[in-house]
N, C-alpha and C. Protein backbone atom coordinates (compact mmCIF):
# COMPACT_ATOMS: atom_id res chain seq x y z
N UNK A 1 213.33 214.66 39.65
CA UNK A 1 212.91 214.31 41.00
C UNK A 1 212.24 215.52 41.63
N UNK A 2 211.13 215.33 42.29
CA UNK A 2 210.40 216.43 42.90
C UNK A 2 211.16 216.96 44.09
N UNK A 3 211.08 218.26 44.32
CA UNK A 3 211.73 218.88 45.46
C UNK A 3 210.67 219.40 46.42
N UNK A 4 210.95 219.35 47.72
CA UNK A 4 209.99 219.77 48.73
C UNK A 4 210.68 220.74 49.69
N UNK A 5 209.89 221.62 50.27
CA UNK A 5 210.47 222.49 51.29
C UNK A 5 210.65 221.70 52.58
N UNK A 6 211.25 222.32 53.55
CA UNK A 6 211.59 221.61 54.78
C UNK A 6 210.37 221.02 55.47
N UNK A 7 209.28 221.80 55.54
CA UNK A 7 208.06 221.34 56.22
C UNK A 7 207.47 220.13 55.51
N UNK A 8 207.42 220.20 54.17
CA UNK A 8 206.87 219.09 53.40
C UNK A 8 207.74 217.84 53.54
N UNK A 9 209.06 218.04 53.55
CA UNK A 9 209.98 216.91 53.68
C UNK A 9 209.81 216.22 55.03
N UNK A 10 209.58 217.02 56.07
CA UNK A 10 209.38 216.44 57.40
C UNK A 10 208.11 215.60 57.46
N UNK A 11 207.08 216.09 56.78
CA UNK A 11 205.83 215.34 56.75
C UNK A 11 206.00 214.02 56.01
N UNK A 12 206.72 214.09 54.88
CA UNK A 12 206.95 212.89 54.09
C UNK A 12 207.78 211.87 54.87
N UNK A 13 208.83 212.35 55.52
CA UNK A 13 209.68 211.45 56.30
C UNK A 13 208.90 210.82 57.46
N UNK A 14 208.03 211.65 58.04
CA UNK A 14 207.21 211.13 59.13
C UNK A 14 206.25 210.04 58.66
N UNK A 15 205.67 210.27 57.48
CA UNK A 15 204.75 209.27 56.93
C UNK A 15 205.48 207.97 56.61
N UNK A 16 206.70 208.10 56.05
CA UNK A 16 207.47 206.91 55.72
C UNK A 16 207.79 206.10 56.98
N UNK A 17 208.16 206.83 58.03
CA UNK A 17 208.45 206.16 59.30
C UNK A 17 207.21 205.43 59.83
N UNK A 18 206.07 206.12 59.77
CA UNK A 18 204.80 205.53 60.24
C UNK A 18 204.42 204.31 59.39
N UNK A 19 204.62 204.43 58.07
CA UNK A 19 204.26 203.33 57.18
C UNK A 19 205.16 202.11 57.39
N UNK A 20 206.47 202.39 57.61
CA UNK A 20 207.38 201.28 57.88
C UNK A 20 206.97 200.51 59.13
N UNK A 21 206.37 201.23 60.08
CA UNK A 21 205.98 200.61 61.35
C UNK A 21 204.64 199.90 61.26
N UNK A 22 203.67 200.52 60.55
CA UNK A 22 202.30 200.00 60.55
C UNK A 22 201.81 199.54 59.17
N UNK A 23 202.58 199.77 58.13
CA UNK A 23 202.11 199.50 56.78
C UNK A 23 201.69 198.05 56.54
N UNK A 24 202.51 197.11 57.01
CA UNK A 24 202.20 195.70 56.79
C UNK A 24 200.89 195.30 57.45
N UNK A 25 200.69 195.77 58.67
CA UNK A 25 199.47 195.43 59.40
C UNK A 25 198.24 196.00 58.70
N UNK A 26 198.37 197.23 58.22
CA UNK A 26 197.25 197.86 57.52
C UNK A 26 196.94 197.11 56.23
N UNK A 27 197.96 196.71 55.51
CA UNK A 27 197.76 195.95 54.27
C UNK A 27 197.03 194.65 54.53
N UNK A 28 197.43 193.97 55.59
CA UNK A 28 196.77 192.69 55.95
C UNK A 28 195.31 192.93 56.29
N UNK A 29 195.05 193.96 57.10
CA UNK A 29 193.67 194.25 57.50
C UNK A 29 192.82 194.63 56.29
N UNK A 30 193.39 195.44 55.40
CA UNK A 30 192.65 195.87 54.20
C UNK A 30 192.36 194.67 53.31
N UNK A 31 193.34 193.79 53.15
CA UNK A 31 193.13 192.60 52.34
C UNK A 31 192.04 191.72 52.94
N UNK A 32 192.08 191.54 54.27
CA UNK A 32 191.07 190.73 54.95
C UNK A 32 189.68 191.33 54.77
N UNK A 33 189.62 192.68 54.84
CA UNK A 33 188.33 193.35 54.67
C UNK A 33 187.77 193.11 53.27
N UNK A 34 188.64 193.23 52.26
CA UNK A 34 188.19 193.03 50.89
C UNK A 34 187.76 191.60 50.64
N UNK A 35 188.49 190.65 51.23
CA UNK A 35 188.11 189.23 51.09
C UNK A 35 186.76 188.99 51.76
N UNK A 36 186.59 189.59 52.95
CA UNK A 36 185.31 189.43 53.65
C UNK A 36 184.17 190.03 52.84
N UNK A 37 184.41 191.21 52.28
CA UNK A 37 183.39 191.87 51.47
C UNK A 37 183.04 191.01 50.26
N UNK A 38 184.07 190.46 49.62
CA UNK A 38 183.83 189.59 48.48
C UNK A 38 183.09 188.34 48.89
N UNK A 39 183.45 187.80 50.07
CA UNK A 39 182.76 186.61 50.57
C UNK A 39 181.30 186.90 50.85
N UNK A 40 181.01 188.07 51.40
CA UNK A 40 179.62 188.45 51.69
C UNK A 40 178.82 188.55 50.40
N UNK A 41 179.43 189.13 49.38
CA UNK A 41 178.74 189.25 48.09
C UNK A 41 178.50 187.88 47.47
N UNK A 42 179.51 187.01 47.62
CA UNK A 42 179.36 185.65 47.08
C UNK A 42 178.27 184.89 47.82
N UNK A 43 178.21 185.07 49.15
CA UNK A 43 177.18 184.39 49.95
C UNK A 43 175.79 184.90 49.58
N UNK A 44 175.71 186.22 49.38
CA UNK A 44 174.43 186.81 48.98
C UNK A 44 173.97 186.26 47.64
N UNK A 45 174.89 186.13 46.72
CA UNK A 45 174.58 185.57 45.39
C UNK A 45 174.13 184.12 45.52
N UNK A 46 174.83 183.38 46.37
CA UNK A 46 174.48 181.96 46.58
C UNK A 46 173.07 181.83 47.14
N UNK A 47 172.75 182.67 48.13
CA UNK A 47 171.42 182.62 48.74
C UNK A 47 170.33 182.97 47.73
N UNK A 48 170.59 183.97 46.90
CA UNK A 48 169.62 184.36 45.88
C UNK A 48 169.40 183.23 44.87
N UNK A 49 170.49 182.57 44.50
CA UNK A 49 170.40 181.47 43.56
C UNK A 49 169.60 180.32 44.17
N UNK A 50 169.85 180.02 45.46
CA UNK A 50 169.12 178.96 46.15
C UNK A 50 167.62 179.28 46.20
N UNK A 51 167.32 180.54 46.49
CA UNK A 51 165.92 180.95 46.58
C UNK A 51 165.22 180.80 45.23
N UNK A 52 165.90 181.17 44.15
CA UNK A 52 165.31 181.04 42.81
C UNK A 52 165.08 179.58 42.45
N UNK A 53 166.03 178.73 42.79
CA UNK A 53 165.88 177.31 42.50
C UNK A 53 164.74 176.70 43.29
N UNK A 54 164.62 177.09 44.56
CA UNK A 54 163.53 176.59 45.39
C UNK A 54 162.18 177.04 44.85
N UNK A 55 162.11 178.29 44.40
CA UNK A 55 160.87 178.82 43.83
C UNK A 55 160.49 178.06 42.56
N UNK A 56 161.49 177.76 41.73
CA UNK A 56 161.22 177.01 40.50
C UNK A 56 160.69 175.61 40.81
N UNK A 57 161.25 174.98 41.82
CA UNK A 57 160.80 173.64 42.19
C UNK A 57 159.38 173.67 42.77
N UNK A 58 159.08 174.74 43.50
CA UNK A 58 157.72 174.87 44.06
C UNK A 58 156.70 175.05 42.95
N UNK A 59 157.06 175.82 41.93
CA UNK A 59 156.18 175.98 40.78
C UNK A 59 155.98 174.64 40.08
N UNK A 60 157.05 173.88 39.96
CA UNK A 60 156.98 172.55 39.35
C UNK A 60 156.04 171.65 40.15
N UNK A 61 156.15 171.71 41.47
CA UNK A 61 155.28 170.90 42.33
C UNK A 61 153.81 171.26 42.11
N UNK A 62 153.52 172.54 42.04
CA UNK A 62 152.14 172.97 41.81
C UNK A 62 151.63 172.51 40.45
N UNK A 63 152.52 172.51 39.46
CA UNK A 63 152.13 172.04 38.13
C UNK A 63 151.82 170.55 38.15
N UNK A 64 152.62 169.79 38.89
CA UNK A 64 152.37 168.35 39.03
C UNK A 64 151.02 168.11 39.69
N UNK A 65 150.72 168.91 40.70
CA UNK A 65 149.46 168.77 41.42
C UNK A 65 148.26 169.12 40.54
N UNK A 66 148.33 170.26 39.86
CA UNK A 66 147.20 170.71 39.05
C UNK A 66 147.00 169.87 37.79
N UNK A 67 148.06 169.20 37.36
CA UNK A 67 147.94 168.36 36.17
C UNK A 67 147.42 166.96 36.49
N UNK A 68 147.00 166.78 37.74
CA UNK A 68 146.42 165.50 38.11
C UNK A 68 147.42 164.45 38.53
N UNK A 69 148.61 164.90 38.93
CA UNK A 69 149.62 163.95 39.37
C UNK A 69 149.18 163.21 40.62
N UNK A 70 149.52 161.93 40.69
CA UNK A 70 149.11 161.16 41.87
C UNK A 70 150.01 161.50 43.05
N UNK A 71 149.66 160.96 44.23
CA UNK A 71 150.38 161.29 45.45
C UNK A 71 151.85 160.94 45.36
N UNK A 72 152.18 159.84 44.68
CA UNK A 72 153.58 159.43 44.56
C UNK A 72 154.38 160.47 43.79
N UNK A 73 153.83 160.96 42.69
CA UNK A 73 154.52 161.97 41.89
C UNK A 73 154.67 163.27 42.67
N UNK A 74 153.63 163.62 43.41
CA UNK A 74 153.67 164.85 44.20
C UNK A 74 154.73 164.72 45.30
N UNK A 75 154.81 163.54 45.91
CA UNK A 75 155.84 163.30 46.92
C UNK A 75 157.23 163.42 46.34
N UNK A 76 157.42 162.87 45.15
CA UNK A 76 158.73 162.93 44.50
C UNK A 76 159.13 164.37 44.22
N UNK A 77 158.17 165.16 43.73
CA UNK A 77 158.46 166.57 43.43
C UNK A 77 158.75 167.35 44.70
N UNK A 78 157.98 167.07 45.75
CA UNK A 78 158.17 167.79 47.00
C UNK A 78 159.49 167.43 47.67
N UNK A 79 159.92 166.19 47.49
CA UNK A 79 161.16 165.74 48.11
C UNK A 79 162.37 166.52 47.59
N UNK A 80 162.29 166.97 46.35
CA UNK A 80 163.37 167.79 45.81
C UNK A 80 163.55 169.06 46.64
N UNK A 81 162.43 169.58 47.14
CA UNK A 81 162.48 170.78 47.97
C UNK A 81 162.88 170.48 49.40
N UNK A 82 162.25 169.47 50.00
CA UNK A 82 162.50 169.19 51.41
C UNK A 82 163.90 168.66 51.68
N UNK A 83 164.50 168.00 50.68
CA UNK A 83 165.86 167.51 50.86
C UNK A 83 166.90 168.48 50.31
N UNK A 84 166.58 169.13 49.20
CA UNK A 84 167.54 170.04 48.59
C UNK A 84 167.54 171.43 49.18
N UNK A 85 166.38 171.90 49.62
CA UNK A 85 166.27 173.27 50.14
C UNK A 85 165.42 173.28 51.42
N UNK A 86 165.80 172.51 52.43
CA UNK A 86 164.97 172.36 53.63
C UNK A 86 164.77 173.66 54.42
N UNK A 87 165.71 174.59 54.28
CA UNK A 87 165.60 175.84 55.06
C UNK A 87 164.79 176.91 54.35
N UNK A 88 164.36 176.64 53.12
CA UNK A 88 163.59 177.64 52.38
C UNK A 88 162.14 177.64 52.86
N UNK A 89 161.48 178.76 52.64
CA UNK A 89 160.07 178.84 53.01
C UNK A 89 159.18 177.98 52.14
N UNK A 90 159.69 177.55 50.99
CA UNK A 90 158.90 176.73 50.08
C UNK A 90 158.80 175.28 50.55
N UNK A 91 159.82 174.80 51.26
CA UNK A 91 159.87 173.40 51.66
C UNK A 91 158.68 172.98 52.54
N UNK A 92 158.37 173.70 53.63
CA UNK A 92 157.22 173.30 54.44
C UNK A 92 155.89 173.41 53.70
N UNK A 93 155.80 174.36 52.79
CA UNK A 93 154.58 174.50 52.00
C UNK A 93 154.43 173.33 51.02
N UNK A 94 155.56 172.87 50.52
CA UNK A 94 155.54 171.68 49.67
C UNK A 94 155.10 170.47 50.47
N UNK A 95 155.56 170.38 51.71
CA UNK A 95 155.17 169.26 52.58
C UNK A 95 153.68 169.30 52.88
N UNK A 96 153.11 170.50 53.01
CA UNK A 96 151.66 170.63 53.23
C UNK A 96 150.88 170.10 52.03
N UNK A 97 151.32 170.49 50.84
CA UNK A 97 150.66 170.03 49.62
C UNK A 97 150.73 168.51 49.52
N UNK A 98 151.90 167.97 49.83
CA UNK A 98 152.10 166.53 49.75
C UNK A 98 151.23 165.80 50.76
N UNK A 99 151.16 166.34 51.98
CA UNK A 99 150.33 165.71 53.01
C UNK A 99 148.87 165.65 52.60
N UNK A 100 148.39 166.73 51.99
CA UNK A 100 147.00 166.75 51.52
C UNK A 100 146.78 165.70 50.44
N UNK A 101 147.74 165.56 49.54
CA UNK A 101 147.63 164.55 48.49
C UNK A 101 147.63 163.15 49.09
N UNK A 102 148.43 162.96 50.14
CA UNK A 102 148.48 161.66 50.82
C UNK A 102 147.14 161.33 51.47
N UNK A 103 146.54 162.32 52.12
CA UNK A 103 145.23 162.11 52.76
C UNK A 103 144.20 161.72 51.71
N UNK A 104 144.20 162.44 50.60
CA UNK A 104 143.24 162.13 49.53
C UNK A 104 143.47 160.74 48.94
N UNK A 105 144.73 160.28 49.02
CA UNK A 105 145.06 158.95 48.50
C UNK A 105 144.87 157.87 49.55
N UNK A 106 144.47 158.28 50.75
CA UNK A 106 144.24 157.31 51.81
C UNK A 106 145.50 156.88 52.54
N UNK A 107 146.58 157.60 52.34
CA UNK A 107 147.84 157.25 52.99
C UNK A 107 148.09 158.19 54.17
N UNK A 108 147.34 157.98 55.24
CA UNK A 108 147.44 158.86 56.40
C UNK A 108 148.80 158.80 57.07
N UNK A 109 149.42 157.63 57.06
CA UNK A 109 150.72 157.48 57.70
C UNK A 109 151.74 158.39 57.06
N UNK A 110 151.80 158.38 55.74
CA UNK A 110 152.76 159.24 55.05
C UNK A 110 152.39 160.71 55.20
N UNK A 111 151.10 161.00 55.24
CA UNK A 111 150.67 162.38 55.44
C UNK A 111 151.18 162.92 56.77
N UNK A 112 151.06 162.11 57.81
CA UNK A 112 151.53 162.54 59.13
C UNK A 112 153.04 162.71 59.13
N UNK A 113 153.75 161.85 58.41
CA UNK A 113 155.20 161.98 58.31
C UNK A 113 155.59 163.31 57.65
N UNK A 114 154.86 163.67 56.60
CA UNK A 114 155.14 164.94 55.93
C UNK A 114 154.82 166.13 56.82
N UNK A 115 153.75 166.03 57.57
CA UNK A 115 153.39 167.11 58.49
C UNK A 115 154.38 167.19 59.65
N UNK A 116 154.86 166.05 60.10
CA UNK A 116 155.86 166.04 61.17
C UNK A 116 157.16 166.67 60.69
N UNK A 117 157.46 166.49 59.40
CA UNK A 117 158.66 167.12 58.84
C UNK A 117 158.57 168.64 59.00
N UNK A 118 157.40 169.18 58.80
CA UNK A 118 157.20 170.63 58.95
C UNK A 118 157.49 171.05 60.39
N UNK A 119 156.96 170.29 61.33
CA UNK A 119 157.17 170.61 62.75
C UNK A 119 158.65 170.56 63.10
N UNK A 120 159.37 169.62 62.52
CA UNK A 120 160.78 169.42 62.84
C UNK A 120 161.72 170.40 62.13
N UNK A 121 161.30 170.91 60.97
CA UNK A 121 162.23 171.68 60.15
C UNK A 121 161.81 173.12 59.81
N UNK A 122 160.52 173.40 59.78
CA UNK A 122 160.08 174.74 59.36
C UNK A 122 160.53 175.81 60.35
N UNK A 123 160.91 176.97 59.82
CA UNK A 123 161.34 178.07 60.66
C UNK A 123 160.15 178.89 61.19
N UNK A 124 159.05 178.86 60.45
CA UNK A 124 157.89 179.67 60.81
C UNK A 124 157.00 178.94 61.81
N UNK A 125 156.74 179.60 62.93
CA UNK A 125 155.90 178.99 63.97
C UNK A 125 154.49 178.71 63.45
N UNK A 126 153.99 179.57 62.57
CA UNK A 126 152.65 179.36 62.04
C UNK A 126 152.55 178.06 61.24
N UNK A 127 153.65 177.66 60.58
CA UNK A 127 153.65 176.40 59.86
C UNK A 127 153.58 175.23 60.83
N UNK A 128 154.23 175.34 61.98
CA UNK A 128 154.13 174.30 63.00
C UNK A 128 152.68 174.17 63.47
N UNK A 129 152.06 175.32 63.74
CA UNK A 129 150.68 175.31 64.24
C UNK A 129 149.73 174.68 63.22
N UNK A 130 149.93 175.03 61.96
CA UNK A 130 149.07 174.49 60.91
C UNK A 130 149.28 172.99 60.76
N UNK A 131 150.53 172.55 60.83
CA UNK A 131 150.83 171.12 60.69
C UNK A 131 150.18 170.32 61.82
N UNK A 132 150.26 170.82 63.03
CA UNK A 132 149.64 170.11 64.16
C UNK A 132 148.12 170.06 64.01
N UNK A 133 147.54 171.13 63.52
CA UNK A 133 146.10 171.15 63.30
C UNK A 133 145.70 170.09 62.28
N UNK A 134 146.50 169.96 61.22
CA UNK A 134 146.21 168.96 60.19
C UNK A 134 146.40 167.53 60.74
N UNK A 135 147.43 167.34 61.55
CA UNK A 135 147.66 166.02 62.14
C UNK A 135 146.48 165.64 63.04
N UNK A 136 146.01 166.60 63.83
CA UNK A 136 144.86 166.33 64.71
C UNK A 136 143.64 165.94 63.90
N UNK A 137 143.46 166.56 62.73
CA UNK A 137 142.33 166.21 61.86
C UNK A 137 142.44 164.78 61.35
N UNK A 138 143.66 164.37 61.00
CA UNK A 138 143.86 163.00 60.51
C UNK A 138 143.58 162.01 61.64
N UNK A 139 144.09 162.30 62.82
CA UNK A 139 143.88 161.41 63.97
C UNK A 139 142.40 161.34 64.34
N UNK A 140 141.69 162.43 64.16
CA UNK A 140 140.24 162.44 64.38
C UNK A 140 139.56 161.46 63.44
N UNK A 141 139.94 161.50 62.17
CA UNK A 141 139.36 160.58 61.19
C UNK A 141 139.68 159.13 61.53
N UNK A 142 140.82 158.91 62.16
CA UNK A 142 141.22 157.55 62.53
C UNK A 142 140.67 157.16 63.91
N UNK A 143 139.88 158.05 64.49
CA UNK A 143 139.26 157.82 65.80
C UNK A 143 140.28 157.66 66.92
N UNK A 144 141.44 158.29 66.75
CA UNK A 144 142.46 158.29 67.79
C UNK A 144 142.31 159.59 68.58
N UNK A 145 141.25 159.64 69.35
CA UNK A 145 140.84 160.90 69.97
C UNK A 145 141.84 161.42 71.01
N UNK A 146 142.31 160.55 71.87
CA UNK A 146 143.23 161.00 72.92
C UNK A 146 144.53 161.54 72.32
N UNK A 147 145.02 160.85 71.31
CA UNK A 147 146.25 161.30 70.64
C UNK A 147 146.03 162.64 69.95
N UNK A 148 144.88 162.80 69.34
CA UNK A 148 144.57 164.06 68.65
C UNK A 148 144.49 165.21 69.65
N UNK A 149 143.89 164.96 70.79
CA UNK A 149 143.78 166.00 71.81
C UNK A 149 145.16 166.39 72.36
N UNK A 150 146.04 165.42 72.48
CA UNK A 150 147.40 165.72 72.96
C UNK A 150 148.12 166.63 71.97
N UNK A 151 147.92 166.39 70.69
CA UNK A 151 148.54 167.24 69.68
C UNK A 151 148.06 168.69 69.83
N UNK A 152 146.77 168.84 70.08
CA UNK A 152 146.20 170.19 70.19
C UNK A 152 146.57 170.89 71.48
N UNK A 153 147.00 170.13 72.47
CA UNK A 153 147.39 170.74 73.75
C UNK A 153 148.77 171.38 73.67
N UNK A 154 149.47 171.19 72.55
CA UNK A 154 150.77 171.83 72.36
C UNK A 154 150.60 173.34 72.25
N UNK A 155 151.55 174.07 72.80
CA UNK A 155 151.48 175.54 72.73
C UNK A 155 151.43 176.01 71.28
N UNK A 156 150.57 176.98 71.01
CA UNK A 156 150.41 177.49 69.65
C UNK A 156 150.13 178.98 69.68
N UNK A 157 150.23 179.59 68.51
CA UNK A 157 150.00 181.02 68.41
C UNK A 157 148.55 181.40 68.63
N UNK A 158 148.35 182.63 69.09
CA UNK A 158 147.01 183.11 69.38
C UNK A 158 146.13 183.12 68.13
N UNK A 159 146.73 183.32 66.97
CA UNK A 159 145.96 183.35 65.72
C UNK A 159 145.28 182.01 65.44
N UNK A 160 145.82 180.94 66.02
CA UNK A 160 145.26 179.61 65.80
C UNK A 160 144.36 179.15 66.96
N UNK A 161 144.20 179.98 67.96
CA UNK A 161 143.46 179.57 69.15
C UNK A 161 142.04 179.12 68.82
N UNK A 162 141.33 179.91 68.03
CA UNK A 162 139.96 179.55 67.68
C UNK A 162 139.88 178.26 66.89
N UNK A 163 140.81 178.07 65.95
CA UNK A 163 140.81 176.86 65.12
C UNK A 163 141.14 175.63 65.95
N UNK A 164 142.07 175.77 66.88
CA UNK A 164 142.43 174.64 67.74
C UNK A 164 141.25 174.24 68.63
N UNK A 165 140.58 175.23 69.18
CA UNK A 165 139.43 174.95 70.04
C UNK A 165 138.28 174.34 69.25
N UNK A 166 138.11 174.78 68.03
CA UNK A 166 137.08 174.20 67.17
C UNK A 166 137.39 172.73 66.87
N UNK A 167 138.65 172.45 66.50
CA UNK A 167 139.05 171.07 66.22
C UNK A 167 138.90 170.20 67.47
N UNK A 168 139.23 170.79 68.62
CA UNK A 168 139.07 170.06 69.88
C UNK A 168 137.59 169.73 70.11
N UNK A 169 136.71 170.68 69.77
CA UNK A 169 135.28 170.42 69.89
C UNK A 169 134.85 169.29 68.98
N UNK A 170 135.40 169.23 67.77
CA UNK A 170 135.08 168.14 66.84
C UNK A 170 135.47 166.79 67.43
N UNK A 171 136.67 166.76 68.01
CA UNK A 171 137.17 165.50 68.58
C UNK A 171 136.32 165.07 69.77
N UNK A 172 136.00 166.02 70.64
CA UNK A 172 135.18 165.69 71.82
C UNK A 172 133.78 165.26 71.42
N UNK A 173 133.24 165.87 70.37
CA UNK A 173 131.93 165.46 69.87
C UNK A 173 131.97 164.02 69.36
N UNK A 174 133.01 163.71 68.60
CA UNK A 174 133.16 162.35 68.08
C UNK A 174 133.35 161.34 69.21
N UNK A 175 133.98 161.78 70.30
CA UNK A 175 134.22 160.91 71.44
C UNK A 175 133.02 160.85 72.38
N UNK A 176 131.92 161.50 71.98
CA UNK A 176 130.68 161.52 72.76
C UNK A 176 130.81 162.27 74.07
N UNK A 177 131.75 163.19 74.14
CA UNK A 177 131.91 164.02 75.32
C UNK A 177 131.27 165.38 75.02
N UNK A 178 129.96 165.37 75.00
CA UNK A 178 129.20 166.51 74.49
C UNK A 178 129.35 167.77 75.35
N UNK A 179 129.32 167.61 76.66
CA UNK A 179 129.43 168.78 77.54
C UNK A 179 130.77 169.49 77.32
N UNK A 180 131.84 168.70 77.21
CA UNK A 180 133.16 169.27 76.98
C UNK A 180 133.27 169.88 75.58
N UNK A 181 132.63 169.22 74.62
CA UNK A 181 132.64 169.73 73.25
C UNK A 181 131.95 171.09 73.18
N UNK A 182 130.83 171.20 73.90
CA UNK A 182 130.09 172.45 73.90
C UNK A 182 130.96 173.60 74.45
N UNK A 183 131.67 173.31 75.53
CA UNK A 183 132.54 174.32 76.12
C UNK A 183 133.66 174.72 75.15
N UNK A 184 134.18 173.74 74.44
CA UNK A 184 135.26 174.01 73.50
C UNK A 184 134.78 174.85 72.33
N UNK A 185 133.60 174.52 71.80
CA UNK A 185 133.04 175.31 70.70
C UNK A 185 132.77 176.74 71.14
N UNK A 186 132.25 176.90 72.36
CA UNK A 186 131.95 178.24 72.85
C UNK A 186 133.24 179.04 73.02
N UNK A 187 134.28 178.37 73.50
CA UNK A 187 135.57 179.05 73.64
C UNK A 187 136.13 179.44 72.27
N UNK A 188 135.90 178.59 71.28
CA UNK A 188 136.35 178.90 69.92
C UNK A 188 135.63 180.13 69.39
N UNK A 189 134.31 180.18 69.62
CA UNK A 189 133.52 181.33 69.18
C UNK A 189 134.01 182.62 69.83
N UNK A 190 134.39 182.53 71.09
CA UNK A 190 134.90 183.70 71.80
C UNK A 190 136.21 184.21 71.22
N UNK A 191 136.97 183.28 70.62
CA UNK A 191 138.26 183.64 70.05
C UNK A 191 138.15 184.16 68.61
N UNK A 192 137.13 183.68 67.90
CA UNK A 192 136.98 184.03 66.49
C UNK A 192 136.25 185.36 66.31
N UNK A 193 136.64 186.09 65.30
CA UNK A 193 135.96 187.34 64.98
C UNK A 193 134.62 187.04 64.30
N UNK A 194 133.64 187.86 64.58
CA UNK A 194 132.33 187.68 63.94
C UNK A 194 132.41 187.95 62.44
N UNK A 195 133.44 188.65 62.03
CA UNK A 195 133.62 188.91 60.60
C UNK A 195 134.26 187.72 59.88
N UNK A 196 134.70 186.76 60.65
CA UNK A 196 135.30 185.56 60.08
C UNK A 196 134.18 184.59 59.68
N UNK A 197 134.19 184.15 58.43
CA UNK A 197 133.15 183.24 57.96
C UNK A 197 133.10 181.95 58.79
N UNK A 198 134.23 181.56 59.34
CA UNK A 198 134.28 180.33 60.12
C UNK A 198 133.53 180.47 61.44
N UNK A 199 133.35 181.69 61.88
CA UNK A 199 132.61 181.95 63.13
C UNK A 199 131.21 181.32 63.05
N UNK A 200 130.53 181.52 61.94
CA UNK A 200 129.17 180.99 61.79
C UNK A 200 129.16 179.46 61.73
N UNK A 201 130.20 178.88 61.15
CA UNK A 201 130.28 177.42 61.08
C UNK A 201 130.39 176.83 62.48
N UNK A 202 131.25 177.42 63.29
CA UNK A 202 131.42 176.92 64.67
C UNK A 202 130.13 177.13 65.46
N UNK A 203 129.48 178.26 65.24
CA UNK A 203 128.21 178.51 65.92
C UNK A 203 127.17 177.45 65.55
N UNK A 204 127.14 177.04 64.30
CA UNK A 204 126.23 175.99 63.86
C UNK A 204 126.54 174.66 64.53
N UNK A 205 127.83 174.37 64.69
CA UNK A 205 128.21 173.13 65.39
C UNK A 205 127.72 173.16 66.83
N UNK A 206 127.91 174.31 67.48
CA UNK A 206 127.47 174.44 68.88
C UNK A 206 125.96 174.30 68.98
N UNK A 207 125.23 174.95 68.07
CA UNK A 207 123.78 174.86 68.11
C UNK A 207 123.29 173.45 67.86
N UNK A 208 124.02 172.71 67.04
CA UNK A 208 123.61 171.34 66.71
C UNK A 208 123.72 170.41 67.90
N UNK A 209 124.56 170.78 68.87
CA UNK A 209 124.70 169.91 70.04
C UNK A 209 123.50 170.02 70.98
N UNK A 210 122.77 171.14 70.88
CA UNK A 210 121.60 171.31 71.73
C UNK A 210 122.01 171.45 73.20
N UNK A 211 121.10 171.12 74.08
CA UNK A 211 121.34 171.24 75.51
C UNK A 211 121.58 169.90 76.19
N UNK A 212 121.53 168.82 75.41
CA UNK A 212 121.70 167.51 76.03
C UNK A 212 123.17 167.22 76.28
N UNK A 213 123.41 166.29 77.19
CA UNK A 213 124.77 165.88 77.51
C UNK A 213 125.15 164.61 76.74
């Protein structure tokens, strides 16, 4: 048995007294900390696994698209993402791909549903802005001008300001509201950078309207 001098024995006795008083509480706290740490690591692993699965499904969707898959097949592939991994960044992008396939297949109703899913579920504001822009384009093709304009009147990011104003000009032109269309195109030009290739396209639209009302 180890022997201690008086000072060492006092320290040991003091520690024993302190441990008898607080030891159980410290053990509980330490155990809780370790469980929490393990839980955090498990959650991190789960999130990484979810992200990898979502990425794999997005690659699959792109393969279906590039291999000439029809809109139904593309919808089926995209649904795996939108239902299984709705919070991932891949899900709204899958919905965009699906909406485009729907438009090309002449199924505007389903395209709008897919775009609305983005507005309702996507975390990125830019995805909302893009979805609304696409919906307005579909409504323009369907000659639902007032509805399309209402979509564009929704608050959006400054990066989309020029594109929204350009689309608004397209709608007003189709609605034969030339004076308003001209103002919208000019506002779009003011928002777009001259280094942007789209700047020249909008300028051509404005020039094509001429000076007539």
